[in-house]
Protein backbone atom coordinates (compact mmCIF):
# COMPACT_ATOMS: atom_id res chain seq x y z
CA UNK A 1 0.00 0.00 0.00
CA UNK A 2 1.06 3.57 -0.60
CA UNK A 3 -0.09 7.07 0.24
CA UNK A 4 -1.07 9.01 -2.86
CA UNK A 5 -2.09 12.24 -1.06
CA UNK A 6 -2.60 13.70 2.40
CA UNK A 7 -4.39 17.02 2.97
CA UNK A 8 -6.03 19.01 5.73
CA UNK A 9 -9.69 19.55 4.79
CA UNK A 10 -13.05 20.80 6.03
CA UNK A 11 -15.19 18.10 4.47
CA UNK A 12 -15.14 14.91 2.39
CA UNK A 13 -18.05 13.46 0.37
CA UNK A 14 -18.25 10.30 -1.71
CA UNK A 15 -20.51 10.14 -4.76
CA UNK A 16 -21.27 7.50 -7.34
CA UNK A 17 -20.88 8.41 -11.00
CA UNK A 18 -21.40 6.31 -14.14
CA UNK A 19 -21.03 2.58 -13.49
CA UNK A 20 -19.03 1.46 -10.48
CA UNK A 21 -16.85 4.60 -10.42
CA UNK A 22 -16.73 6.72 -7.28
CA UNK A 23 -15.66 10.33 -6.95
CA UNK A 24 -14.32 11.89 -3.77
CA UNK A 25 -15.20 15.55 -3.27
CA UNK A 26 -12.84 17.40 -0.91
CA UNK A 27 -13.80 20.88 0.27
CA UNK A 28 -11.90 23.41 2.28
CA UNK A 29 -8.41 22.08 1.51
CA UNK A 30 -6.11 24.13 3.71
CA UNK A 31 -2.58 24.53 4.95
CA UNK A 32 -3.34 27.24 7.50
CA UNK A 33 -6.20 28.75 9.49
CA UNK A 34 -6.85 31.70 11.75
CA UNK A 35 -7.38 30.68 15.37
CA UNK A 36 -11.01 31.07 16.48
CA UNK A 37 -9.91 32.49 19.87
CA UNK A 38 -6.71 33.80 21.42
CA UNK A 39 -4.17 31.27 22.70
CA UNK A 40 -3.83 28.89 24.39
CA UNK A 41 -6.22 26.52 22.61
CA UNK A 42 -6.59 22.97 21.39
CA UNK A 43 -7.01 22.74 17.60
CA UNK A 44 -8.19 19.62 15.78
CA UNK A 45 -7.85 19.98 12.00
CA UNK A 46 -9.12 17.08 9.88
CA UNK A 47 -6.51 15.27 7.82
CA UNK A 48 -7.53 12.95 4.98
CA UNK A 49 -5.02 10.36 3.74
CA UNK A 50 -5.71 8.79 0.33
CA UNK A 51 -4.29 5.29 -0.12
CA UNK A 52 -3.68 3.06 -3.12
CA UNK A 53 -3.16 -0.68 -2.91
CA UNK A 54 -1.56 -2.10 -6.08
CA UNK A 55 -2.72 -5.38 -7.63
CA UNK A 56 -0.05 -7.34 -5.76
CA UNK A 57 -0.11 -5.35 -2.49
CA UNK A 58 -0.88 -6.68 1.00
CA UNK A 59 -4.54 -6.23 1.99
CA UNK A 60 -3.71 -5.26 5.58
CA UNK A 61 -1.46 -2.58 6.97
CA UNK A 62 -1.19 0.23 9.49
CA UNK A 63 -1.40 3.98 8.92
CA UNK A 64 0.68 6.07 11.31
CA UNK A 65 0.44 9.87 11.55
CA UNK A 66 2.91 11.66 13.82
CA UNK A 67 2.34 15.36 14.47
CA UNK A 68 5.52 17.33 15.10
CA UNK A 69 6.38 20.86 16.15
CA UNK A 70 10.00 21.93 15.63
CA UNK A 71 10.93 18.26 15.06
CA UNK A 72 9.42 17.08 18.36
CA UNK A 73 6.45 14.69 18.48
CA UNK A 74 3.36 16.31 20.01
CA UNK A 75 0.64 13.83 18.97
CA UNK A 76 0.30 10.46 17.24
CA UNK A 77 -2.49 8.45 15.59
CA UNK A 78 -2.24 4.82 14.49
CA UNK A 79 -5.05 2.95 12.74
CA UNK A 80 -5.39 -0.32 10.86
CA UNK A 81 -5.86 -0.46 7.09
CA UNK A 82 -7.73 -3.10 5.15
CA UNK A 83 -7.75 -2.26 1.45
CA UNK A 84 -8.37 -4.85 -1.29
CA UNK A 85 -5.71 -5.27 -3.96
CA UNK A 86 -6.13 -2.91 -6.91
CA UNK A 87 -8.37 -0.52 -4.93
CA UNK A 88 -8.19 2.93 -3.36
CA UNK A 89 -9.18 3.90 0.17
CA UNK A 90 -9.00 6.84 2.54
CA UNK A 91 -8.66 7.46 6.25
CA UNK A 92 -9.66 10.48 8.28
CA UNK A 93 -7.31 11.48 11.07
CA UNK A 94 -8.24 14.04 13.70
CA UNK A 95 -5.35 15.04 15.89
CA UNK A 96 -5.97 17.27 18.89
CA UNK A 97 -3.04 19.66 19.08
CA UNK A 98 -2.34 22.11 21.89
CA UNK A 99 -1.11 25.53 20.77
CA UNK A 100 0.62 27.80 23.28
CA UNK A 101 1.95 29.95 20.46
CA UNK A 102 1.04 30.45 16.80
CA UNK A 103 3.07 28.53 14.28
CA UNK A 104 3.39 25.44 12.13
CA UNK A 105 3.03 21.76 12.91
CA UNK A 106 3.79 18.95 10.48
CA UNK A 107 1.84 15.73 10.06
CA UNK A 108 4.17 12.90 9.02
CA UNK A 109 2.08 10.14 7.42
CA UNK A 110 3.31 6.66 6.54
CA UNK A 111 2.15 3.10 6.10
CA UNK A 112 3.99 0.57 8.24
CA UNK A 113 7.11 1.28 10.24
CA UNK A 114 9.40 1.70 7.24
CA UNK A 115 7.07 3.27 4.66
CA UNK A 116 7.76 6.47 2.75
CA UNK A 117 6.82 9.54 4.82
CA UNK A 118 4.46 12.14 3.36
CA UNK A 119 4.73 15.40 5.32
CA UNK A 120 1.85 17.90 5.41
CA UNK A 121 2.36 21.29 7.12
CA UNK A 122 -0.39 23.17 8.94
CA UNK A 123 -0.02 26.70 10.34
CA UNK A 124 -2.22 28.24 13.03
CA UNK A 125 -2.40 32.03 12.59
CA UNK A 126 -3.57 34.74 15.02
CA UNK A 127 -7.33 35.42 15.03
CA UNK A 128 -8.62 37.86 12.44
CA UNK A 129 -9.07 41.41 13.67
CA UNK A 130 -12.72 42.24 14.21
C-alpha atoms as a PDB file:
ATOM      1  CA  UNK A   1       0.000   0.000   0.000  1.00  0.00           C
ATOM      2  CA  UNK A   2       1.061   3.569  -0.600  1.00  0.00           C
ATOM      3  CA  UNK A   3      -0.095   7.066   0.240  1.00  0.00           C
ATOM      4  CA  UNK A   4      -1.066   9.015  -2.863  1.00  0.00           C
ATOM      5  CA  UNK A   5      -2.093  12.237  -1.056  1.00  0.00           C
ATOM      6  CA  UNK A   6      -2.604  13.701   2.398  1.00  0.00           C
ATOM      7  CA  UNK A   7      -4.394  17.016   2.969  1.00  0.00           C
ATOM      8  CA  UNK A   8      -6.031  19.010   5.730  1.00  0.00           C
ATOM      9  CA  UNK A   9      -9.691  19.548   4.787  1.00  0.00           C
ATOM     10  CA  UNK A  10     -13.046  20.803   6.029  1.00  0.00           C
ATOM     11  CA  UNK A  11     -15.186  18.097   4.471  1.00  0.00           C
ATOM     12  CA  UNK A  12     -15.144  14.907   2.389  1.00  0.00           C
ATOM     13  CA  UNK A  13     -18.047  13.460   0.371  1.00  0.00           C
ATOM     14  CA  UNK A  14     -18.253  10.302  -1.711  1.00  0.00           C
ATOM     15  CA  UNK A  15     -20.507  10.139  -4.760  1.00  0.00           C
ATOM     16  CA  UNK A  16     -21.270   7.497  -7.343  1.00  0.00           C
ATOM     17  CA  UNK A  17     -20.883   8.412 -11.001  1.00  0.00           C
ATOM     18  CA  UNK A  18     -21.403   6.311 -14.142  1.00  0.00           C
ATOM     19  CA  UNK A  19     -21.034   2.584 -13.491  1.00  0.00           C
ATOM     20  CA  UNK A  20     -19.033   1.463 -10.484  1.00  0.00           C
ATOM     21  CA  UNK A  21     -16.854   4.605 -10.418  1.00  0.00           C
ATOM     22  CA  UNK A  22     -16.728   6.716  -7.277  1.00  0.00           C
ATOM     23  CA  UNK A  23     -15.662  10.333  -6.951  1.00  0.00           C
ATOM     24  CA  UNK A  24     -14.317  11.887  -3.770  1.00  0.00           C
ATOM     25  CA  UNK A  25     -15.203  15.546  -3.269  1.00  0.00           C
ATOM     26  CA  UNK A  26     -12.842  17.396  -0.913  1.00  0.00           C
ATOM     27  CA  UNK A  27     -13.805  20.878   0.272  1.00  0.00           C
ATOM     28  CA  UNK A  28     -11.900  23.415   2.277  1.00  0.00           C
ATOM     29  CA  UNK A  29      -8.412  22.078   1.509  1.00  0.00           C
ATOM     30  CA  UNK A  30      -6.106  24.127   3.713  1.00  0.00           C
ATOM     31  CA  UNK A  31      -2.582  24.528   4.953  1.00  0.00           C
ATOM     32  CA  UNK A  32      -3.343  27.244   7.498  1.00  0.00           C
ATOM     33  CA  UNK A  33      -6.199  28.748   9.489  1.00  0.00           C
ATOM     34  CA  UNK A  34      -6.849  31.701  11.753  1.00  0.00           C
ATOM     35  CA  UNK A  35      -7.376  30.676  15.373  1.00  0.00           C
ATOM     36  CA  UNK A  36     -11.011  31.072  16.480  1.00  0.00           C
ATOM     37  CA  UNK A  37      -9.910  32.489  19.871  1.00  0.00           C
ATOM     38  CA  UNK A  38      -6.712  33.798  21.424  1.00  0.00           C
ATOM     39  CA  UNK A  39      -4.174  31.272  22.703  1.00  0.00           C
ATOM     40  CA  UNK A  40      -3.833  28.890  24.392  1.00  0.00           C
ATOM     41  CA  UNK A  41      -6.221  26.521  22.615  1.00  0.00           C
ATOM     42  CA  UNK A  42      -6.594  22.966  21.394  1.00  0.00           C
ATOM     43  CA  UNK A  43      -7.010  22.737  17.597  1.00  0.00           C
ATOM     44  CA  UNK A  44      -8.192  19.617  15.776  1.00  0.00           C
ATOM     45  CA  UNK A  45      -7.850  19.983  12.001  1.00  0.00           C
ATOM     46  CA  UNK A  46      -9.120  17.083   9.877  1.00  0.00           C
ATOM     47  CA  UNK A  47      -6.506  15.267   7.816  1.00  0.00           C
ATOM     48  CA  UNK A  48      -7.534  12.947   4.981  1.00  0.00           C
ATOM     49  CA  UNK A  49      -5.020  10.361   3.744  1.00  0.00           C
ATOM     50  CA  UNK A  50      -5.714   8.789   0.327  1.00  0.00           C
ATOM     51  CA  UNK A  51      -4.292   5.286  -0.117  1.00  0.00           C
ATOM     52  CA  UNK A  52      -3.683   3.056  -3.121  1.00  0.00           C
ATOM     53  CA  UNK A  53      -3.156  -0.681  -2.906  1.00  0.00           C
ATOM     54  CA  UNK A  54      -1.558  -2.097  -6.075  1.00  0.00           C
ATOM     55  CA  UNK A  55      -2.722  -5.378  -7.631  1.00  0.00           C
ATOM     56  CA  UNK A  56      -0.050  -7.339  -5.756  1.00  0.00           C
ATOM     57  CA  UNK A  57      -0.112  -5.354  -2.486  1.00  0.00           C
ATOM     58  CA  UNK A  58      -0.882  -6.675   0.999  1.00  0.00           C
ATOM     59  CA  UNK A  59      -4.535  -6.228   1.991  1.00  0.00           C
ATOM     60  CA  UNK A  60      -3.714  -5.261   5.584  1.00  0.00           C
ATOM     61  CA  UNK A  61      -1.462  -2.578   6.972  1.00  0.00           C
ATOM     62  CA  UNK A  62      -1.185   0.227   9.490  1.00  0.00           C
ATOM     63  CA  UNK A  63      -1.401   3.983   8.925  1.00  0.00           C
ATOM     64  CA  UNK A  64       0.677   6.073  11.313  1.00  0.00           C
ATOM     65  CA  UNK A  65       0.439   9.868  11.550  1.00  0.00           C
ATOM     66  CA  UNK A  66       2.908  11.662  13.817  1.00  0.00           C
ATOM     67  CA  UNK A  67       2.336  15.356  14.467  1.00  0.00           C
ATOM     68  CA  UNK A  68       5.518  17.331  15.104  1.00  0.00           C
ATOM     69  CA  UNK A  69       6.384  20.861  16.152  1.00  0.00           C
ATOM     70  CA  UNK A  70      10.002  21.925  15.633  1.00  0.00           C
ATOM     71  CA  UNK A  71      10.931  18.256  15.058  1.00  0.00           C
ATOM     72  CA  UNK A  72       9.418  17.079  18.364  1.00  0.00           C
ATOM     73  CA  UNK A  73       6.446  14.693  18.483  1.00  0.00           C
ATOM     74  CA  UNK A  74       3.363  16.315  20.006  1.00  0.00           C
ATOM     75  CA  UNK A  75       0.641  13.828  18.973  1.00  0.00           C
ATOM     76  CA  UNK A  76       0.304  10.461  17.238  1.00  0.00           C
ATOM     77  CA  UNK A  77      -2.485   8.452  15.594  1.00  0.00           C
ATOM     78  CA  UNK A  78      -2.241   4.822  14.489  1.00  0.00           C
ATOM     79  CA  UNK A  79      -5.050   2.953  12.742  1.00  0.00           C
ATOM     80  CA  UNK A  80      -5.389  -0.324  10.860  1.00  0.00           C
ATOM     81  CA  UNK A  81      -5.862  -0.459   7.092  1.00  0.00           C
ATOM     82  CA  UNK A  82      -7.732  -3.105   5.154  1.00  0.00           C
ATOM     83  CA  UNK A  83      -7.746  -2.260   1.450  1.00  0.00           C
ATOM     84  CA  UNK A  84      -8.372  -4.851  -1.290  1.00  0.00           C
ATOM     85  CA  UNK A  85      -5.711  -5.267  -3.960  1.00  0.00           C
ATOM     86  CA  UNK A  86      -6.133  -2.910  -6.907  1.00  0.00           C
ATOM     87  CA  UNK A  87      -8.367  -0.522  -4.930  1.00  0.00           C
ATOM     88  CA  UNK A  88      -8.190   2.930  -3.359  1.00  0.00           C
ATOM     89  CA  UNK A  89      -9.184   3.895   0.170  1.00  0.00           C
ATOM     90  CA  UNK A  90      -9.003   6.844   2.544  1.00  0.00           C
ATOM     91  CA  UNK A  91      -8.658   7.458   6.254  1.00  0.00           C
ATOM     92  CA  UNK A  92      -9.660  10.478   8.283  1.00  0.00           C
ATOM     93  CA  UNK A  93      -7.305  11.478  11.073  1.00  0.00           C
ATOM     94  CA  UNK A  94      -8.241  14.038  13.695  1.00  0.00           C
ATOM     95  CA  UNK A  95      -5.352  15.036  15.893  1.00  0.00           C
ATOM     96  CA  UNK A  96      -5.970  17.266  18.890  1.00  0.00           C
ATOM     97  CA  UNK A  97      -3.041  19.665  19.081  1.00  0.00           C
ATOM     98  CA  UNK A  98      -2.341  22.113  21.886  1.00  0.00           C
ATOM     99  CA  UNK A  99      -1.115  25.530  20.766  1.00  0.00           C
ATOM    100  CA  UNK A 100       0.617  27.796  23.285  1.00  0.00           C
ATOM    101  CA  UNK A 101       1.955  29.955  20.463  1.00  0.00           C
ATOM    102  CA  UNK A 102       1.040  30.454  16.796  1.00  0.00           C
ATOM    103  CA  UNK A 103       3.071  28.527  14.282  1.00  0.00           C
ATOM    104  CA  UNK A 104       3.389  25.441  12.128  1.00  0.00           C
ATOM    105  CA  UNK A 105       3.033  21.764  12.913  1.00  0.00           C
ATOM    106  CA  UNK A 106       3.792  18.949  10.480  1.00  0.00           C
ATOM    107  CA  UNK A 107       1.840  15.726  10.061  1.00  0.00           C
ATOM    108  CA  UNK A 108       4.168  12.897   9.022  1.00  0.00           C
ATOM    109  CA  UNK A 109       2.075  10.143   7.416  1.00  0.00           C
ATOM    110  CA  UNK A 110       3.309   6.660   6.540  1.00  0.00           C
ATOM    111  CA  UNK A 111       2.145   3.096   6.100  1.00  0.00           C
ATOM    112  CA  UNK A 112       3.994   0.569   8.242  1.00  0.00           C
ATOM    113  CA  UNK A 113       7.105   1.283  10.239  1.00  0.00           C
ATOM    114  CA  UNK A 114       9.395   1.703   7.241  1.00  0.00           C
ATOM    115  CA  UNK A 115       7.072   3.274   4.658  1.00  0.00           C
ATOM    116  CA  UNK A 116       7.757   6.475   2.746  1.00  0.00           C
ATOM    117  CA  UNK A 117       6.822   9.542   4.823  1.00  0.00           C
ATOM    118  CA  UNK A 118       4.456  12.139   3.361  1.00  0.00           C
ATOM    119  CA  UNK A 119       4.726  15.401   5.317  1.00  0.00           C
ATOM    120  CA  UNK A 120       1.849  17.896   5.412  1.00  0.00           C
ATOM    121  CA  UNK A 121       2.358  21.288   7.121  1.00  0.00           C
ATOM    122  CA  UNK A 122      -0.389  23.171   8.939  1.00  0.00           C
ATOM    123  CA  UNK A 123      -0.025  26.698  10.341  1.00  0.00           C
ATOM    124  CA  UNK A 124      -2.221  28.236  13.030  1.00  0.00           C
ATOM    125  CA  UNK A 125      -2.397  32.033  12.590  1.00  0.00           C
ATOM    126  CA  UNK A 126      -3.571  34.737  15.019  1.00  0.00           C
ATOM    127  CA  UNK A 127      -7.335  35.419  15.031  1.00  0.00           C
ATOM    128  CA  UNK A 128      -8.615  37.861  12.440  1.00  0.00           C
ATOM    129  CA  UNK A 129      -9.071  41.412  13.665  1.00  0.00           C
ATOM    130  CA  UNK A 130     -12.717  42.238  14.208  1.00  0.00           C
END
